[in-house]
Protein backbone atom coordinates (compact mmCIF):
# COMPACT_ATOMS: atom_id res chain seq x y z
CA MET A 1 67.02 87.06 82.63
CA THR A 2 66.95 84.79 79.42
CA LYS A 3 67.71 81.30 78.84
CA THR A 4 70.45 80.66 76.40
CA ALA A 5 69.57 78.89 72.81
CA PRO A 6 71.75 77.93 70.35
CA LEU A 7 72.65 80.97 67.92
CA ARG A 8 74.57 78.65 65.31
CA THR A 9 76.79 75.70 65.52
CA ALA A 10 80.10 77.19 66.79
CA ARG A 11 82.80 76.50 63.82
CA PRO A 12 85.68 74.50 65.19
CA VAL A 13 88.88 76.26 66.00
CA ALA A 14 92.01 74.19 65.93
CA ALA A 15 94.77 74.72 68.59
CA GLU A 16 97.09 75.29 66.02
CA PRO A 17 97.05 79.00 65.67
CA MET A 18 98.87 79.40 69.04
CA ALA A 19 101.76 78.33 66.99
CA SER A 20 101.18 81.67 65.22
CA LEU A 21 100.30 83.53 68.50
CA LYS A 22 102.39 82.28 71.47
CA GLY A 23 105.28 84.30 70.66
CA LEU A 24 103.65 87.47 70.05
CA LEU A 25 101.53 87.09 73.48
CA LEU A 26 104.65 86.29 75.34
CA GLU A 27 105.99 89.88 74.60
CA TRP A 28 102.63 91.55 74.59
CA LEU A 29 100.88 90.34 77.61
CA PRO A 30 103.31 91.50 80.19
CA GLN A 31 102.97 95.17 78.91
CA GLN A 32 99.35 95.05 79.39
CA ARG A 33 97.90 97.21 82.39
CA TRP A 34 95.69 94.43 83.38
CA PHE A 35 98.33 91.48 83.29
CA ALA A 36 98.86 90.56 86.84
CA GLY A 37 102.25 88.83 86.64
CA LYS A 38 104.60 91.59 85.83
CA ASP A 39 106.84 90.61 88.83
CA ARG A 40 107.67 87.20 87.42
CA PRO A 41 108.61 86.19 83.95
CA VAL A 42 106.05 84.22 81.73
CA THR A 43 107.62 80.90 80.84
CA ASP A 44 104.57 79.63 78.92
CA LEU A 45 101.09 80.11 77.68
CA LYS A 46 98.59 77.37 77.43
CA LEU A 47 95.52 77.59 75.14
CA LEU A 48 92.11 76.83 77.44
CA SER A 49 89.46 77.64 75.14
CA MET A 50 89.58 79.33 71.56
CA THR A 51 86.20 80.26 69.75
CA GLU A 52 85.64 82.18 66.52
CA LEU A 53 83.34 85.01 67.30
CA HIS A 54 83.21 86.08 63.47
CA PRO A 55 85.54 85.75 60.56
CA GLY A 56 88.98 86.98 61.50
CA CYS A 57 88.21 87.34 65.27
CA LEU A 58 89.19 84.74 67.90
CA HIS A 59 87.94 84.71 71.53
CA LEU A 60 90.52 82.89 73.48
CA LEU A 61 91.05 82.12 77.25
CA VAL A 62 95.00 81.46 78.02
CA HIS A 63 96.84 80.53 81.01
CA ALA A 64 100.26 82.10 81.73
CA GLU A 65 102.90 80.19 83.65
CA HIS A 66 105.43 81.97 85.61
CA THR A 67 108.82 81.03 87.51
CA GLY A 68 109.61 82.29 90.80
CA PRO A 69 107.23 82.93 93.97
CA PRO A 70 104.09 85.16 93.57
CA THR A 71 104.24 88.40 95.02
CA PRO A 72 101.46 88.17 98.05
CA GLY A 73 98.27 90.11 97.21
CA VAL A 74 99.45 90.29 93.29
CA SER A 75 99.33 87.31 91.54
CA ARG A 76 99.31 83.22 91.99
CA PRO A 77 101.36 80.71 90.15
CA GLY A 78 99.41 81.28 87.25
CA ASP A 79 96.52 83.25 85.69
CA CYS A 80 93.86 82.82 82.98
CA TYR A 81 93.43 85.79 80.66
CA GLN A 82 90.43 86.53 78.24
CA LEU A 83 91.57 88.04 74.67
CA LEU A 84 89.78 88.92 71.61
CA LEU A 85 92.24 88.88 68.79
CA GLY A 86 91.81 89.73 65.07
CA ALA A 87 94.04 88.91 62.28
CA ARG A 88 94.19 90.56 58.88
CA ARG A 89 96.93 91.21 56.19
CA GLU A 90 97.23 94.82 56.59
CA LEU A 91 96.41 96.97 59.51
CA PRO A 92 94.90 100.34 58.92
CA PRO A 93 96.47 103.21 60.55
CA ARG A 94 93.64 104.01 62.83
CA LEU A 95 94.18 100.48 64.40
CA ALA A 96 97.97 101.05 64.76
CA GLU A 97 97.60 101.08 68.82
CA ALA A 98 95.75 97.77 68.56
CA PHE A 99 98.78 96.08 66.96
CA ILE A 100 100.26 93.21 68.57
CA GLY A 101 102.74 92.00 66.00
CA ARG A 102 102.95 90.05 62.84
CA ALA A 103 102.76 86.44 63.11
CA GLY A 104 106.04 84.68 61.44
CA SER A 105 104.87 81.15 61.30
CA GLY A 106 101.95 78.63 61.97
CA PRO A 107 98.51 78.93 60.03
CA LEU A 108 98.40 82.96 60.63
CA ALA A 109 101.83 83.25 59.24
CA GLY A 110 102.34 86.91 57.52
CA LEU A 111 98.98 88.21 59.21
CA ALA A 112 99.11 91.38 61.44
CA VAL A 113 97.52 90.39 64.82
CA TYR A 114 95.86 92.95 66.97
CA ASP A 115 93.61 93.52 70.06
CA ALA A 116 90.08 93.21 68.36
CA LEU A 117 88.63 95.28 71.47
CA ARG A 118 90.00 98.29 69.97
CA GLU A 119 88.58 97.72 66.51
CA PRO A 120 85.13 99.32 66.16
CA ARG A 121 83.70 96.53 63.85
CA SER A 122 84.43 93.65 66.50
CA ALA A 123 83.22 95.74 69.22
CA ALA A 124 80.02 96.42 67.60
CA LEU A 125 79.55 92.77 66.91
CA LEU A 126 80.02 92.04 70.24
CA LEU A 127 77.14 94.20 71.47
CA ASP A 128 75.10 92.45 68.73
CA ARG A 129 75.82 89.11 70.40
CA LEU A 130 74.47 90.57 73.71
CA ARG A 131 71.43 91.96 71.74
CA HIS A 132 70.53 88.59 70.62
CA PRO A 133 70.84 85.67 73.30
CA GLY A 134 72.32 82.60 72.68
CA THR A 135 75.34 80.47 72.79
CA THR A 136 78.61 80.29 70.53
CA GLY A 137 80.69 77.09 71.34
CA PRO A 138 81.30 77.46 75.14
CA LEU A 139 80.26 81.00 75.12
CA SER A 140 76.83 82.14 76.40
CA PHE A 141 75.43 85.64 75.82
CA GLU A 142 72.44 86.75 78.18
CA ARG A 143 70.56 89.79 79.00
CA ASP A 144 67.66 91.41 80.85
CA THR A 145 64.74 91.15 78.33
CA SER A 146 62.71 93.77 80.23
CA VAL A 147 65.20 96.26 78.80
CA CYS A 148 65.33 97.48 75.05
CA LEU A 149 68.82 97.21 73.98
CA PRO A 150 69.06 99.50 70.89
CA ALA A 151 70.94 98.39 67.81
CA GLY A 152 73.55 100.81 66.09
CA LEU A 153 75.46 102.10 69.18
CA ALA A 154 78.77 103.50 68.11
CA PRO A 155 81.33 101.83 70.55
CA ARG A 156 84.70 103.66 72.02
CA LEU A 157 87.24 102.52 74.22
CA LEU A 158 87.81 104.10 77.33
CA ALA A 159 91.44 105.24 77.79
CA ALA A 160 91.36 105.09 81.91
CA GLU A 161 93.86 102.65 83.21
CA GLN A 162 92.16 99.82 84.90
CA SER A 163 92.39 96.16 85.58
CA ASN A 164 89.85 95.32 82.87
CA THR A 165 88.93 96.66 79.37
CA SER A 166 85.55 98.99 79.03
CA LEU A 167 83.64 99.79 76.03
CA VAL A 168 81.25 102.76 75.99
CA TYR A 169 78.33 102.14 73.45
CA GLY A 170 76.64 105.69 72.02
CA ASP A 171 77.07 107.15 75.67
CA GLN A 172 74.26 104.77 76.83
CA TYR A 173 75.77 101.49 77.95
CA ILE A 174 79.23 100.31 79.37
CA LEU A 175 80.59 96.95 78.56
CA LYS A 176 83.17 95.62 81.08
CA VAL A 177 85.18 92.74 79.58
CA PHE A 178 87.12 91.06 82.42
CA ARG A 179 90.71 90.27 81.43
CA ARG A 180 91.83 88.19 84.36
CA ILE A 181 89.32 84.95 84.63
CA GLN A 182 88.66 82.90 87.70
CA PRO A 183 86.25 80.04 87.99
CA GLY A 184 82.80 81.09 89.36
CA ILE A 185 80.46 84.01 89.50
CA ASN A 186 82.11 87.31 89.08
CA PRO A 187 80.64 89.76 91.76
CA ASP A 188 80.41 92.48 89.42
CA TRP A 189 77.71 90.92 87.89
CA GLU A 190 76.20 88.82 90.81
CA VAL A 191 75.87 92.18 93.38
CA PRO A 192 74.49 94.48 90.83
CA TRP A 193 72.06 91.89 89.74
CA ALA A 194 70.98 91.09 93.22
CA LEU A 195 70.63 95.08 94.24
CA ALA A 196 68.76 95.73 91.05
CA ARG A 197 66.25 93.19 92.55
CA THR A 198 65.85 94.80 95.97
CA GLY A 199 64.96 98.14 93.96
CA CYS A 200 68.39 99.99 95.04
CA THR A 201 69.23 102.68 92.55
CA ARG A 202 72.54 103.49 93.81
CA VAL A 203 74.29 100.78 91.64
CA PRO A 204 73.47 100.70 87.69
CA ALA A 205 71.77 97.17 86.92
CA PRO A 206 73.26 94.75 84.61
CA THR A 207 71.63 94.83 81.23
CA ALA A 208 73.35 92.03 79.29
CA TRP A 209 76.43 89.53 80.33
CA PHE A 210 78.39 86.85 78.76
CA ARG A 211 79.86 83.60 80.30
CA THR A 212 81.95 80.59 79.35
CA SER A 213 81.43 77.13 80.15
CA GLN A 214 85.12 75.77 79.23
CA PRO A 215 87.45 75.12 80.58
CA PHE A 216 85.18 76.17 83.46
CA GLU A 217 82.16 78.32 84.51
CA ALA A 218 83.06 82.01 84.32
CA THR A 219 81.66 85.31 84.07
CA LEU A 220 83.43 86.99 81.02
CA GLY A 221 81.90 90.53 80.85
CA VAL A 222 79.06 92.85 82.01
CA LEU A 223 77.03 95.55 80.13
CA GLN A 224 75.31 97.99 82.40
CA PRO A 225 73.82 101.68 81.79
CA PHE A 226 76.64 104.39 81.36
CA LEU A 227 76.13 107.74 83.17
CA PRO A 228 77.81 110.12 80.57
CA SER A 229 77.27 113.21 83.10
CA ALA A 230 78.45 111.56 85.76
CA THR A 231 82.20 112.36 87.46
CA ASP A 232 84.11 110.06 89.58
CA GLY A 233 84.87 111.03 93.10
CA TRP A 234 88.57 110.88 92.59
CA THR A 235 88.37 113.41 90.01
CA LEU A 236 85.97 115.60 91.97
CA GLY A 237 88.36 115.21 95.11
CA LEU A 238 91.24 116.29 93.14
CA ASN A 239 89.52 119.28 91.60
CA ALA A 240 88.40 120.54 95.01
CA LEU A 241 92.17 120.08 96.46
CA ALA A 242 93.41 122.15 93.43
CA ALA A 243 90.88 124.93 93.87
CA GLU A 244 91.11 124.64 97.59
CA ASN A 245 87.61 124.08 97.98
CA ASP A 246 85.71 122.24 100.83
CA PHE A 247 84.88 118.57 99.82
CA THR A 248 83.03 117.62 103.07
CA ARG A 249 79.30 118.20 101.93
CA ASP A 250 80.18 115.73 98.90
CA ALA A 251 81.91 113.24 101.69
CA TYR A 252 78.92 113.27 103.96
CA ALA A 253 76.48 112.60 100.99
CA LEU A 254 78.75 109.60 99.92
CA GLY A 255 78.82 108.48 103.55
CA ARG A 256 74.90 108.29 103.52
CA ALA A 257 75.01 106.75 99.91
CA THR A 258 77.62 104.06 100.85
CA ALA A 259 75.47 102.82 103.97
CA GLU A 260 72.49 102.89 101.83
CA VAL A 261 74.39 100.32 99.72
CA HIS A 262 75.32 98.48 102.59
CA GLN A 263 71.59 98.07 103.63
CA ALA A 264 70.46 97.05 100.38
CA LEU A 265 73.16 94.31 100.15
CA ALA A 266 72.14 92.95 103.57
CA ALA A 267 68.84 92.66 102.17
CA ALA A 268 70.01 90.93 98.89
CA PHE A 269 72.11 88.45 100.52
CA PRO A 270 72.01 86.55 103.97
CA ARG A 271 73.86 88.17 106.73
CA ALA A 272 76.14 85.90 108.88
CA PRO A 273 78.37 86.09 111.89
CA LEU A 274 82.03 85.84 111.38
CA GLY A 275 81.99 82.01 111.52
CA PRO A 276 83.97 79.39 109.40
CA GLU A 277 81.43 79.05 106.67
CA ALA A 278 81.41 82.68 105.74
CA ALA A 279 84.11 84.84 106.78
CA PRO A 280 87.08 84.34 109.12
CA GLN A 281 86.15 82.90 112.67
CA LYS A 282 87.12 84.46 116.12
CA GLY A 283 90.75 84.94 115.97
CA ARG A 284 91.27 83.84 112.21
CA LEU A 285 90.58 87.28 111.03
CA ALA A 286 93.41 88.58 112.88
CA GLN A 287 95.71 85.72 111.96
CA GLU A 288 94.86 86.16 108.19
CA MET A 289 95.74 89.75 108.35
CA THR A 290 98.94 89.37 110.22
CA GLU A 291 100.07 86.56 107.70
CA ARG A 292 99.33 89.09 104.96
CA LEU A 293 101.61 91.47 106.50
CA HIS A 294 104.51 89.41 107.01
CA ALA A 295 104.28 88.10 103.42
CA THR A 296 104.06 91.36 102.15
CA ALA A 297 106.88 92.69 104.14
CA ARG A 298 109.24 90.07 102.98
CA ALA A 299 108.33 91.22 99.37
CA VAL A 300 108.56 94.77 100.23
CA PRO A 301 111.46 95.80 102.35
CA ASP A 302 110.36 99.30 102.98
CA LEU A 303 107.58 97.91 105.28
CA ARG A 304 109.57 95.67 107.62
CA PRO A 305 110.37 98.54 110.06
CA TYR A 306 106.83 98.75 110.76
CA VAL A 307 105.75 95.25 111.12
CA THR A 308 105.87 94.98 114.87
CA GLY A 309 103.52 98.16 115.14
CA LEU A 310 101.22 97.06 112.63
CA SER A 311 100.72 93.61 114.07
CA ALA A 312 99.35 95.40 117.36
CA ALA A 313 96.36 96.45 115.27
CA PHE A 314 95.70 93.12 114.16
CA ALA A 315 96.05 91.36 117.66
CA SER A 316 93.32 93.54 119.32
CA LEU A 317 90.71 91.85 116.94
CA GLU A 318 89.33 88.97 119.32
CA ALA A 319 85.65 89.86 119.15
CA ASP A 320 83.15 88.64 116.43
CA ARG A 321 81.79 91.20 114.30
CA PRO A 322 78.66 90.84 112.06
CA ALA A 323 79.74 90.21 108.48
CA GLN A 324 77.70 90.61 105.14
CA ARG A 325 78.54 91.18 101.35
CA VAL A 326 80.34 94.16 100.71
CA HIS A 327 81.99 95.96 97.92
CA GLY A 328 85.49 94.89 98.62
CA ASP A 329 87.62 97.69 96.86
CA LEU A 330 85.46 100.90 97.44
CA HIS A 331 87.62 103.98 96.94
CA LEU A 332 86.90 107.49 95.23
CA GLY A 333 87.39 105.82 91.81
CA GLN A 334 84.63 103.33 92.36
CA VAL A 335 81.91 105.93 92.98
CA LEU A 336 80.32 108.50 90.45
CA ARG A 337 78.31 111.71 91.12
CA ALA A 338 75.50 112.74 88.60
CA GLY A 339 74.00 115.96 89.54
CA SER A 340 73.64 115.62 93.53
CA ASP A 341 73.49 111.65 93.32
CA TRP A 342 76.13 109.29 94.17
CA PHE A 343 76.45 106.05 92.48
CA VAL A 344 78.66 102.92 93.34
CA ILE A 345 80.04 100.95 90.67
CA ASP A 346 82.75 97.92 90.06
CA PHE A 347 81.72 95.43 92.33
CA GLU A 348 84.74 93.06 91.40
CA GLY A 349 86.66 93.27 94.60
CA GLU A 350 90.30 93.29 94.62
CA PRO A 351 91.20 91.29 91.47
CA SER A 352 94.35 90.14 92.81
CA ARG A 353 92.65 88.07 95.60
CA PRO A 354 90.89 84.72 94.72
CA LEU A 355 87.09 85.19 93.47
CA ALA A 356 85.90 82.78 96.19
CA GLU A 357 87.37 84.99 98.87
CA ARG A 358 85.89 87.99 97.32
CA ARG A 359 82.63 86.38 97.37
CA LEU A 360 82.71 85.98 101.34
CA GLU A 361 80.78 88.13 103.92
CA GLN A 362 83.04 90.71 105.48
CA PRO A 363 82.48 93.26 108.09
CA ALA A 364 81.28 96.37 106.50
CA VAL A 365 83.47 98.67 108.20
CA ARG A 366 85.96 97.15 105.72
CA ASP A 367 84.40 99.41 102.87
CA VAL A 368 84.37 102.41 105.17
CA ALA A 369 88.30 101.83 105.74
CA GLY A 370 88.87 101.71 102.03
CA MET A 371 87.28 105.01 101.40
CA LEU A 372 89.11 106.66 104.38
CA ARG A 373 92.11 105.62 102.64
CA SER A 374 91.17 106.93 99.38
CA PHE A 375 90.68 110.50 100.97
CA ASP A 376 94.01 110.12 102.44
CA TYR A 377 95.13 109.17 98.84
CA ALA A 378 93.71 112.31 97.26
CA ALA A 379 95.24 114.50 99.81
CA HIS A 380 98.76 113.47 99.13
CA ALA A 381 98.32 113.33 95.23
CA GLY A 382 98.50 117.02 95.10
CA ARG A 383 101.42 119.33 96.27
CA PRO A 384 100.86 121.42 98.36
CA TRP A 385 97.47 119.99 100.24
CA PRO A 386 95.49 121.84 102.48
CA PRO A 387 96.21 120.63 106.08
CA GLY A 388 93.46 118.66 107.54
CA TRP A 389 91.43 118.28 104.26
CA ALA A 390 91.74 114.60 104.56
CA ASP A 391 90.72 114.45 108.16
CA ALA A 392 87.78 116.71 107.56
CA CYS A 393 86.62 114.46 104.59
CA ARG A 394 86.97 111.20 106.67
CA ALA A 395 84.84 112.66 109.68
CA ALA A 396 82.32 113.99 107.10
CA PHE A 397 82.06 110.71 105.35
CA CYS A 398 81.71 108.60 108.73
CA THR A 399 79.06 111.12 109.98
CA GLY A 400 77.03 110.90 107.00
CA TYR A 401 77.43 106.87 106.95
CA ALA A 402 76.23 106.81 110.57
CA GLU A 403 73.18 109.07 109.93
CA ALA A 404 72.07 106.62 107.26
CA ALA A 405 72.93 103.25 108.94
CA GLY A 406 72.06 103.97 112.32
CA GLN A 407 75.68 103.18 113.64
CA ASP A 408 78.86 105.06 113.53
CA PRO A 409 82.03 103.16 112.29
CA ARG A 410 84.04 105.21 114.62
CA THR A 411 82.39 103.53 117.62
CA ASP A 412 84.44 100.41 116.81
CA PRO A 413 88.13 102.04 116.41
CA VAL A 414 89.77 98.72 117.00
CA MET A 415 88.12 97.08 113.96
CA LEU A 416 88.33 100.42 111.82
CA ARG A 417 92.12 100.73 112.48
CA ALA A 418 92.80 97.02 111.58
CA CYS A 419 90.97 97.38 108.30
CA GLU A 420 92.69 100.67 107.66
CA THR A 421 96.05 98.75 108.18
CA GLU A 422 95.19 95.93 106.09
CA LYS A 423 94.24 98.27 103.16
CA ALA A 424 97.26 100.35 103.74
CA VAL A 425 99.45 96.88 103.53
CA TYR A 426 97.81 96.01 100.32
CA GLU A 427 98.46 99.53 98.86
CA VAL A 428 102.11 98.99 99.71
CA VAL A 429 102.42 95.71 97.52
CA TYR A 430 100.33 97.54 94.92
CA GLU A 431 102.29 100.59 94.43
CA ALA A 432 105.69 98.90 94.81
CA ARG A 433 104.80 96.59 91.97
CA HIS A 434 102.80 99.16 89.62
CA ARG A 435 103.68 102.73 90.64
CA PRO A 436 106.82 102.94 92.82
CA ASP A 437 106.60 106.70 92.89
CA TRP A 438 103.44 106.46 94.80
CA LEU A 439 104.95 104.29 97.50
CA ARG A 440 105.34 107.18 99.68
CA VAL A 441 101.59 107.62 100.01
CA PRO A 442 100.72 104.27 101.81
CA LEU A 443 103.86 104.35 103.79
CA SER A 444 102.85 107.68 105.17
CA ALA A 445 99.79 106.03 106.53
CA ILE A 446 101.60 103.18 107.60
CA ARG A 447 103.91 105.13 109.82
CA ARG A 448 100.85 106.58 111.23
CA LEU A 449 98.91 103.46 111.55
CA SER A 450 102.05 101.85 113.19
CA ALA A 451 102.32 104.59 115.79
CA GLY A 452 98.64 104.45 116.59
CA ALA A 453 98.48 100.80 117.06
CA ALA A 454 101.30 100.65 119.17
CA GLY A 455 100.03 103.57 121.38
CA ALA A 456 96.66 102.04 121.65
């Protein structure tokens, strides 16, 4: 890990450009996949930080303010977003998708404003900053000096929907640029960096990263090795379903890989009981799960008929469980298979939850529950799906996990059911907000979990 040294004196950037940008951004931001406040109108944008990365390219941190109460699990009263914006008189046709708008007033009047992460030149210069550690204004660029980071790698933007923006360089590295910024260390840098120190090979190690010191300390982006021949678990699962192929061997191997990552996490970070300093204490875990359930039911009426049954799943949680750092948002889209090996990526956790909460120790079974829900999602994504496909994959995953970890998550059915229920509740509010046509998938699980918890 390198220490930062000044690259150059940062050119001062006045706040006046917001007079040109605010109107454009108020319209553009809510249309972005990674914008969290789609449920409430944006009333104002406040500039928190602005730095000129290179002539014609501005790095901004802006705070979006909203009206109305936030939707549970989706957004808070306001969010900070990271933007890289370019401005030029004319935009070439190849950058048409990057176009945000033409400024009508202020110092950028008449210029075309665009998302600079979609411009190859700006994307290439961003990698160059990471190759040469140092500071520009409040921005610090750092890297692992034991790794040779080559120059001249051509950038391309990943088109897949996600809550951040990812750039691939020469099919060798992938840079994740975090869009929603919260104070503190982002676990998508912290966890892979710690795991690399333990020798864990299931998680690509960070090669370079950048952060800011204003208006608060925060991680802004992470560069890691890219696996060009790898396929994500979601695609593999859907392909198996479409061909009516067995997926249990893959699920078994994925269970083993998940257990290995959990063991590495336990070695890299101190383990703790479910106490007040680390994770919810005895009785508190059930209380927090129940509170989120009721808040979600107020926002999504479809959930209300099942609240009583689902509450029973949480009420049974009375005993303490050991806790450790976990992935936090594990599902088939967060794992990659290259050859016969599984890799785990994206340790950011559920982006809608506060960063401090995502860094807390949790029961490892929460990751297991997330993957079990993902098998259910895959089975419901295709029509028709083979009966029992998800159940067979879920069983194989748990078997593989148990053999590698020495402990079967199914031996604690109360905790497993509670974590599955909590995950399904989270999915309900997510789908209601982003993909209403998919709401049927978590609601199907809600009906099953509600009946099961009541019967138990």
